[in-house]
Amino acid sequence: MGNFFISAFEKLVGVVVVLLLLAVVGGAVLATMQPGGGGILAALGVLVVGTLYVILIAGSLYLALGIYNNTKRTAEAVERLASK
């Protein structure tokens, strides 16, 4: 049952990252098209800051998954050593 939740979380993280990237691109397009919105400079700002935000969030989520996987592998290795 635990494996189901971990694999579902991995898939969810992938979907969230894609949705966040689409939101950043959409925000940049909206910043360009808004009257008095700042034009290209504002769109570049949205792209840069939004991309950094997505990298931060995705990195944190994938770090948590990596910690889980490393802990699981370590526990399995310790169990193999203990059984010898």
Protein backbone atom coordinates (compact mmCIF):
# COMPACT_ATOMS: atom_id res chain seq x y z
CA MET A 1 0.00 0.00 0.00
CA GLY A 2 2.88 2.35 0.79
CA ASN A 3 4.42 1.76 -2.63
CA PHE A 4 1.18 2.88 -4.25
CA PHE A 5 1.28 6.22 -2.46
CA ILE A 6 4.95 6.80 -3.23
CA SER A 7 4.54 6.01 -6.92
CA ALA A 8 1.39 8.15 -7.05
CA PHE A 9 3.29 10.99 -5.41
CA GLU A 10 6.10 10.67 -7.97
CA LYS A 11 3.57 10.95 -10.79
CA LEU A 12 1.83 13.84 -9.06
CA VAL A 13 5.13 15.71 -8.72
CA GLY A 14 5.72 15.34 -12.46
CA VAL A 15 2.24 16.68 -13.24
CA VAL A 16 2.63 19.59 -10.82
CA VAL A 17 5.97 20.57 -12.37
CA VAL A 18 4.47 20.58 -15.87
CA LEU A 19 1.46 22.61 -14.70
CA LEU A 20 3.71 25.12 -12.95
CA LEU A 21 5.80 25.56 -16.09
CA LEU A 22 2.64 26.09 -18.15
CA ALA A 23 1.45 28.67 -15.61
CA VAL A 24 4.77 30.52 -15.86
CA VAL A 25 4.60 30.62 -19.66
CA GLY A 26 0.95 31.71 -19.49
CA GLY A 27 1.82 34.44 -17.03
CA ALA A 28 4.58 35.69 -19.30
CA VAL A 29 2.18 35.80 -22.25
CA LEU A 30 -0.38 37.67 -20.17
CA ALA A 31 2.26 40.12 -18.96
CA THR A 32 3.15 40.85 -22.58
CA MET A 33 -0.43 41.30 -23.74
CA GLN A 34 -1.75 43.47 -20.90
CA PRO A 35 -2.06 47.15 -21.70
CA GLY A 36 0.43 48.97 -19.51
CA GLY A 37 1.68 45.61 -18.25
CA GLY A 38 5.33 46.20 -19.04
CA GLY A 39 5.72 44.39 -22.33
CA ILE A 40 8.71 42.21 -23.08
CA LEU A 41 10.67 43.22 -19.99
CA ALA A 42 7.84 42.16 -17.69
CA ALA A 43 7.46 38.90 -19.59
CA LEU A 44 11.16 38.15 -19.20
CA GLY A 45 10.91 38.91 -15.50
CA VAL A 46 7.97 36.54 -15.12
CA LEU A 47 9.85 33.84 -17.04
CA VAL A 48 13.04 34.18 -15.00
CA VAL A 49 11.41 34.42 -11.57
CA GLY A 50 8.79 31.80 -12.41
CA THR A 51 11.39 29.36 -13.69
CA LEU A 52 13.48 29.82 -10.54
CA TYR A 53 10.36 29.18 -8.45
CA VAL A 54 9.54 26.01 -10.37
CA ILE A 55 13.13 24.78 -9.99
CA LEU A 56 12.98 25.44 -6.24
CA ILE A 57 9.65 23.67 -5.75
CA ALA A 58 10.49 20.72 -8.04
CA GLY A 59 13.91 20.32 -6.44
CA SER A 60 12.39 20.22 -2.98
CA LEU A 61 9.82 17.61 -3.98
CA TYR A 62 12.34 15.43 -5.78
CA LEU A 63 14.73 15.80 -2.84
CA ALA A 64 12.06 14.40 -0.54
CA LEU A 65 11.53 11.46 -2.89
CA GLY A 66 15.29 10.89 -3.07
CA ILE A 67 15.57 10.84 0.71
CA TYR A 68 12.78 8.27 0.87
CA ASN A 69 14.42 6.05 -1.76
CA ASN A 70 17.86 6.28 -0.10
CA THR A 71 16.40 5.48 3.31
CA LYS A 72 14.58 2.47 1.86
CA ARG A 73 17.76 1.19 0.17
CA THR A 74 19.77 1.67 3.37
CA ALA A 75 17.20 -0.24 5.43
CA GLU A 76 17.25 -3.12 2.92
CA ALA A 77 21.07 -3.21 3.00
CA VAL A 78 21.13 -3.25 6.79
CA GLU A 79 18.60 -6.10 6.82
CA ARG A 80 20.76 -8.10 4.39
CA LEU A 81 23.83 -7.53 6.59
CA ALA A 82 21.94 -8.48 9.73
CA SER A 83 20.74 -11.75 8.23
CA LYS A 84 24.29 -12.96 7.44
